[in-house]
Amino acid sequence: MGYRCLNGYKCLDMKIAITGASGFVGTALSDYLASNDHQIIKLHHSELVNNSLEQLNERLVDTEIFINLAGESTMGRWTDEKKKEIYDSRINVTRRIVEIINSMKSKPRLFISTSAIGYYKTDVYADEESPSDNVRFISKVCIDWEAEARKVSDSVKLVILRFGLIIGDEGGILPHIIKYLQSGLKIDFGTGKQKISWIHIEDLIRIYELIIEEKNEIPDIFNCVAPDIITMENMIDELSKRFHTVISLKIPNLILHTILKEGESLITGSYEVYSVMLPEIGYMFIYNNFEEVVKHLKLKD
């Protein structure tokens, strides 16, 4: 993406291991960190499963940071098989990563693992201190996901990032919505009143950078969400301003549930999640509101 290091200074080069490096976030993060002269070790799932601890330890010698982004996409119809893939790809991989880190003689100083705002209850205010839902499937995934990460050695600093809806030109949900808008079709999902806690990919990458560079004590949990919460209806309306739409279609919750089963909750669930910890460590958002996202949207022909 061609970013410079935070505040314009050159970051100190580090050896950074990343799982899930081929995904939307992993690709952007790996490219950015590599462009700032960090040595990136991309660990593939097959390596984690098939290689011995000795082989992995040898490859990870002098690794200072370990970033876990592994996980099956939650998009699509949540069949029993899909739900198992969502769960196992997060919990089992995180368990294996912790086993690897704990077996290393010279351990990384920092382990950044992933979670999601699906951890929280819907339809209520939530910040980093709010309790989990512990009812819905996605919440239970997040709880178990984080529990595995917390088994890492006490000598390693653990930070867990709970992602909101990630917005970007090249991945996530935005290209799918834009595809319909470019064809002249405006689709409203569910009631349209559900609240969306989102973050732009550029801000997410900068948050990783700030945490990696921070030498002082920092919190263990961060909600990666922009300050401005929007509704689904407002998001679609803002995006529509960049296109000439001729047909409007509303897809009610019942139809979405028929198509996606429990996966419908990711679209119709209302998340009012804020971060009190990011301002605490001095993070300044590039994209504070969704209007800025739309303004800087790069459209492909």
Protein backbone atom coordinates (compact mmCIF):
# COMPACT_ATOMS: atom_id res chain seq x y z
CA MET A 1 0.00 0.00 0.00
CA GLY A 2 3.05 2.23 0.05
CA TYR A 3 2.75 3.58 3.58
CA ARG A 4 5.61 5.12 5.48
CA CYS A 5 6.37 4.14 9.03
CA LEU A 6 4.33 5.87 11.74
CA ASN A 7 5.24 9.54 12.27
CA GLY A 8 7.53 9.43 9.25
CA TYR A 9 10.51 7.81 10.95
CA LYS A 10 12.14 4.58 9.83
CA CYS A 11 11.10 1.57 11.88
CA LEU A 12 13.75 -0.72 13.26
CA ASP A 13 13.80 -3.89 11.19
CA MET A 14 12.56 -6.97 13.01
CA LYS A 15 11.91 -10.62 12.23
CA ILE A 16 8.13 -11.04 12.28
CA ALA A 17 6.27 -14.34 11.86
CA ILE A 18 2.74 -14.20 10.46
CA THR A 19 0.09 -16.89 10.06
CA GLY A 20 -2.81 -16.15 7.72
CA ALA A 21 -0.50 -13.98 5.61
CA SER A 22 -2.38 -14.73 2.38
CA GLY A 23 -5.71 -13.28 3.57
CA PHE A 24 -6.97 -9.71 3.14
CA VAL A 25 -5.42 -8.39 6.34
CA GLY A 26 -2.39 -10.66 6.21
CA THR A 27 -1.44 -9.61 2.68
CA ALA A 28 -1.78 -5.90 3.45
CA LEU A 29 0.12 -6.22 6.74
CA SER A 30 2.93 -8.38 5.31
CA ASP A 31 3.44 -6.03 2.36
CA TYR A 32 3.48 -2.98 4.60
CA LEU A 33 5.90 -4.40 7.14
CA ALA A 34 8.18 -5.79 4.41
CA SER A 35 8.22 -2.37 2.72
CA ASN A 36 9.63 -1.00 5.98
CA ASP A 37 12.51 -3.49 5.91
CA HIS A 38 11.13 -6.00 8.40
CA GLN A 39 11.90 -9.65 7.71
CA ILE A 40 8.56 -11.44 7.27
CA ILE A 41 8.23 -15.17 7.91
CA LYS A 42 4.97 -16.41 6.39
CA LEU A 43 3.91 -19.59 8.13
CA HIS A 44 1.47 -21.68 6.12
CA HIS A 45 -1.07 -24.03 7.64
CA SER A 46 0.67 -27.08 6.18
CA GLU A 47 3.91 -26.10 7.96
CA LEU A 48 2.16 -25.73 11.30
CA VAL A 49 0.53 -29.12 10.95
CA ASN A 50 3.27 -31.17 9.31
CA ASN A 51 6.54 -29.73 10.61
CA SER A 52 7.99 -30.73 13.94
CA LEU A 53 8.55 -28.25 16.77
CA GLU A 54 12.29 -28.55 16.14
CA GLN A 55 11.88 -27.65 12.47
CA LEU A 56 9.63 -24.71 13.28
CA ASN A 57 11.93 -23.48 16.05
CA GLU A 58 14.84 -23.52 13.63
CA ARG A 59 12.91 -21.41 11.12
CA LEU A 60 11.75 -18.99 13.82
CA VAL A 61 15.13 -18.31 15.42
CA ASP A 62 15.40 -14.62 16.45
CA THR A 63 11.72 -13.95 15.78
CA GLU A 64 10.73 -10.90 17.79
CA ILE A 65 7.03 -10.64 16.90
CA PHE A 66 4.47 -13.37 16.19
CA ILE A 67 1.18 -12.31 14.55
CA ASN A 68 -1.71 -14.75 14.29
CA LEU A 69 -4.24 -13.97 11.52
CA ALA A 70 -5.24 -17.52 10.62
CA GLY A 71 -8.92 -18.35 10.25
CA GLU A 72 -11.46 -19.64 7.74
CA SER A 73 -13.58 -16.88 6.21
CA THR A 74 -16.89 -16.35 8.02
CA MET A 75 -18.61 -15.28 4.80
CA GLY A 76 -21.10 -17.70 3.29
CA ARG A 77 -23.72 -20.20 4.44
CA TRP A 78 -23.08 -21.53 7.94
CA THR A 79 -23.67 -25.23 7.54
CA ASP A 80 -22.47 -27.51 10.34
CA GLU A 81 -19.35 -28.20 8.27
CA LYS A 82 -18.70 -24.49 7.71
CA LYS A 83 -19.11 -23.73 11.43
CA LYS A 84 -16.63 -26.49 12.26
CA GLU A 85 -14.12 -24.97 9.80
CA ILE A 86 -14.62 -21.51 11.31
CA TYR A 87 -14.05 -22.87 14.81
CA ASP A 88 -11.20 -25.32 14.16
CA SER A 89 -9.22 -22.96 11.90
CA ARG A 90 -9.04 -20.47 14.76
CA ILE A 91 -8.84 -22.52 17.93
CA ASN A 92 -6.63 -25.36 16.67
CA VAL A 93 -4.20 -23.07 14.84
CA THR A 94 -3.89 -20.72 17.82
CA ARG A 95 -3.31 -23.71 20.10
CA ARG A 96 -0.51 -24.89 17.79
CA ILE A 97 1.06 -21.42 17.63
CA VAL A 98 1.12 -21.19 21.42
CA GLU A 99 2.70 -24.64 21.59
CA ILE A 100 5.39 -23.47 19.18
CA ILE A 101 6.09 -20.22 21.04
CA ASN A 102 6.20 -21.96 24.42
CA SER A 103 8.70 -24.48 23.06
CA MET A 104 11.11 -21.82 21.78
CA LYS A 105 14.29 -21.24 23.79
CA SER A 106 14.40 -17.60 22.72
CA LYS A 107 10.77 -16.54 22.64
CA PRO A 108 9.23 -13.60 20.78
CA ARG A 109 8.74 -10.53 22.95
CA LEU A 110 5.22 -9.99 21.55
CA PHE A 111 2.37 -12.23 20.39
CA ILE A 112 -0.50 -10.42 18.63
CA SER A 113 -3.51 -12.68 18.22
CA THR A 114 -6.85 -11.99 16.59
CA SER A 115 -10.44 -12.01 17.76
CA ALA A 116 -13.57 -10.14 16.70
CA ILE A 117 -16.26 -7.85 18.09
CA GLY A 118 -18.61 -10.81 17.75
CA TYR A 119 -17.28 -11.47 21.26
CA TYR A 120 -19.78 -8.91 22.61
CA LYS A 121 -23.54 -8.84 22.98
CA THR A 122 -25.48 -7.20 20.18
CA ASP A 123 -27.78 -4.17 20.48
CA VAL A 124 -25.88 -2.69 23.46
CA TYR A 125 -22.90 -0.39 24.01
CA ALA A 126 -19.62 -2.28 24.36
CA ASP A 127 -15.97 -1.39 24.92
CA GLU A 128 -12.92 -3.42 25.89
CA GLU A 129 -14.21 -3.87 29.46
CA SER A 130 -17.65 -5.17 28.43
CA PRO A 131 -18.59 -8.81 29.04
CA SER A 132 -18.88 -11.42 26.32
CA ASP A 133 -22.16 -12.68 24.94
CA ASN A 134 -21.39 -16.40 25.42
CA VAL A 135 -24.65 -17.37 23.71
CA ARG A 136 -24.21 -17.01 19.95
CA PHE A 137 -21.85 -19.29 18.02
CA ILE A 138 -19.53 -16.49 16.92
CA SER A 139 -19.19 -15.26 20.51
CA LYS A 140 -18.23 -18.72 21.72
CA VAL A 141 -15.65 -18.93 18.93
CA CYS A 142 -14.11 -15.64 20.07
CA ILE A 143 -14.07 -16.71 23.72
CA ASP A 144 -12.31 -20.01 22.97
CA TRP A 145 -10.00 -18.31 20.45
CA GLU A 146 -8.82 -15.82 23.04
CA ALA A 147 -8.55 -18.50 25.73
CA GLU A 148 -6.06 -20.46 23.59
CA ALA A 149 -3.96 -17.34 23.01
CA ARG A 150 -3.84 -16.65 26.76
CA LYS A 151 -1.99 -19.94 27.29
CA VAL A 152 1.16 -18.37 25.86
CA SER A 153 4.15 -18.10 28.19
CA ASP A 154 4.07 -15.28 30.74
CA SER A 155 7.41 -14.12 29.36
CA VAL A 156 5.68 -13.14 26.09
CA LYS A 157 3.53 -10.01 25.92
CA LEU A 158 0.09 -10.95 24.56
CA VAL A 159 -2.13 -8.46 22.74
CA ILE A 160 -5.51 -9.48 21.33
CA LEU A 161 -7.12 -7.37 18.61
CA ARG A 162 -10.90 -7.65 18.28
CA PHE A 163 -11.68 -6.71 14.68
CA GLY A 164 -14.74 -4.79 13.61
CA LEU A 165 -16.00 -5.00 10.01
CA ILE A 166 -12.88 -4.40 7.93
CA ILE A 167 -13.33 -1.93 5.08
CA GLY A 168 -10.97 -1.67 2.11
CA ASP A 169 -10.88 -1.42 -1.67
CA GLU A 170 -9.27 -4.81 -2.20
CA GLY A 171 -10.97 -7.12 0.26
CA GLY A 172 -13.66 -7.67 2.85
CA ILE A 173 -17.30 -6.88 2.18
CA LEU A 174 -16.83 -3.58 0.28
CA PRO A 175 -15.93 -4.98 -3.17
CA HIS A 176 -19.02 -7.21 -3.05
CA ILE A 177 -21.33 -4.26 -2.32
CA ILE A 178 -19.61 -2.13 -4.98
CA LYS A 179 -20.07 -4.84 -7.59
CA TYR A 180 -23.85 -4.57 -7.21
CA LEU A 181 -23.82 -0.77 -7.11
CA GLN A 182 -21.76 -0.62 -10.32
CA SER A 183 -24.44 -2.69 -12.03
CA GLY A 184 -27.08 -0.17 -10.92
CA LEU A 185 -28.47 -2.28 -8.10
CA LYS A 186 -28.77 -0.91 -4.56
CA ILE A 187 -29.37 -3.64 -1.96
CA ASP A 188 -30.48 -2.99 1.61
CA PHE A 189 -29.85 -5.89 3.98
CA GLY A 190 -32.26 -6.64 6.81
CA THR A 191 -33.94 -3.68 8.47
CA GLY A 192 -31.04 -1.40 7.57
CA LYS A 193 -31.08 -0.05 11.13
CA GLN A 194 -28.44 -2.45 12.45
CA LYS A 195 -25.33 -0.64 13.66
CA ILE A 196 -21.94 -1.40 12.14
CA SER A 197 -18.67 -1.02 14.00
CA TRP A 198 -16.08 -0.86 11.24
CA ILE A 199 -12.43 -0.07 10.60
CA HIS A 200 -10.52 0.80 7.45
CA ILE A 201 -7.69 -1.57 6.52
CA GLU A 202 -5.17 1.31 6.54
CA ASP A 203 -6.04 2.13 10.15
CA LEU A 204 -5.84 -1.52 11.13
CA ILE A 205 -2.34 -1.81 9.66
CA ARG A 206 -1.24 1.35 11.49
CA ILE A 207 -2.60 -0.05 14.77
CA TYR A 208 -0.42 -3.12 14.30
CA GLU A 209 2.53 -0.85 13.65
CA LEU A 210 1.89 1.24 16.75
CA ILE A 211 1.63 -1.85 18.95
CA ILE A 212 4.79 -3.35 17.45
CA GLU A 213 6.74 -0.12 17.93
CA GLU A 214 5.41 0.68 21.41
CA LYS A 215 8.04 0.10 24.07
CA ASN A 216 5.92 1.08 27.07
CA GLU A 217 3.36 -1.15 28.78
CA ILE A 218 0.12 -1.34 26.79
CA PRO A 219 -3.29 -2.98 27.37
CA ASP A 220 -3.92 -6.61 26.42
CA ILE A 221 -7.14 -6.00 24.48
CA PHE A 222 -8.00 -3.51 21.74
CA ASN A 223 -11.27 -3.14 19.86
CA CYS A 224 -10.19 -2.28 16.32
CA VAL A 225 -13.11 -0.05 15.38
CA ALA A 226 -13.40 3.51 14.08
CA PRO A 227 -14.98 6.16 16.35
CA ASP A 228 -17.91 6.64 13.96
CA ILE A 229 -20.58 3.94 14.08
CA ILE A 230 -22.97 3.82 11.14
CA THR A 231 -26.07 1.86 10.25
CA MET A 232 -26.22 -0.57 7.35
CA GLU A 233 -28.71 1.74 5.65
CA ASN A 234 -26.36 4.74 5.98
CA MET A 235 -23.40 2.76 4.71
CA ILE A 236 -25.24 1.70 1.55
CA ASP A 237 -26.61 5.24 1.05
CA GLU A 238 -23.13 6.77 1.33
CA LEU A 239 -21.65 4.28 -1.13
CA SER A 240 -24.57 4.83 -3.52
CA LYS A 241 -23.54 8.47 -3.92
CA ARG A 242 -20.58 7.30 -6.03
CA PHE A 243 -22.79 5.33 -8.41
CA HIS A 244 -25.89 5.67 -10.57
CA THR A 245 -28.31 3.12 -9.13
CA VAL A 246 -31.62 2.46 -10.88
CA ILE A 247 -33.03 -0.44 -8.86
CA SER A 248 -33.43 -0.72 -5.07
CA LEU A 249 -33.89 -4.11 -3.45
CA LYS A 250 -34.51 -4.90 0.19
CA ILE A 251 -33.60 -8.37 1.48
CA PRO A 252 -35.39 -9.09 4.78
CA ASN A 253 -33.85 -11.01 7.67
CA LEU A 254 -35.90 -14.13 6.95
CA ILE A 255 -34.53 -14.43 3.41
CA LEU A 256 -30.99 -13.79 4.60
CA HIS A 257 -31.38 -16.52 7.23
CA THR A 258 -32.69 -18.93 4.60
CA ILE A 259 -29.63 -18.24 2.45
CA LEU A 260 -26.93 -17.98 5.11
CA LYS A 261 -28.42 -19.78 8.13
CA GLU A 262 -26.66 -18.48 11.28
CA GLY A 263 -24.22 -16.57 9.07
CA GLU A 264 -27.04 -14.06 8.59
CA SER A 265 -26.23 -12.68 12.06
CA LEU A 266 -22.99 -11.13 10.74
CA ILE A 267 -25.11 -8.95 8.44
CA THR A 268 -28.17 -8.30 10.58
CA GLY A 269 -26.56 -8.19 14.02
CA SER A 270 -26.26 -4.69 15.49
CA TYR A 271 -22.85 -3.93 17.02
CA GLU A 272 -22.29 -0.69 18.93
CA VAL A 273 -18.66 -1.30 19.84
CA TYR A 274 -16.13 1.39 20.75
CA SER A 275 -12.47 1.45 21.69
CA VAL A 276 -11.37 3.30 24.80
CA MET A 277 -7.90 1.73 24.65
CA LEU A 278 -6.73 2.98 21.23
CA PRO A 279 -7.03 6.66 22.21
CA GLU A 280 -5.28 5.74 25.46
CA ILE A 281 -2.12 4.71 23.58
CA GLY A 282 -2.36 7.75 21.32
CA TYR A 283 -3.71 6.27 18.11
CA MET A 284 -5.12 8.87 15.69
CA PHE A 285 -7.44 7.47 13.03
CA ILE A 286 -6.89 8.14 9.34
CA TYR A 287 -10.55 7.35 8.63
CA ASN A 288 -12.69 8.69 11.47
CA ASN A 289 -15.97 8.53 9.56
CA PHE A 290 -17.40 6.58 6.66
CA GLU A 291 -17.79 9.67 4.48
CA GLU A 292 -13.97 9.83 4.33
CA VAL A 293 -13.86 6.20 3.21
CA VAL A 294 -16.27 6.89 0.34
CA LYS A 295 -14.42 10.07 -0.63
CA HIS A 296 -11.13 8.18 -1.04
CA LEU A 297 -12.63 5.06 -2.59
CA LYS A 298 -10.58 3.80 -5.55
CA LEU A 299 -12.97 2.38 -8.11
CA LYS A 300 -11.91 -0.20 -10.67
CA ASP A 301 -13.42 -0.33 -14.14
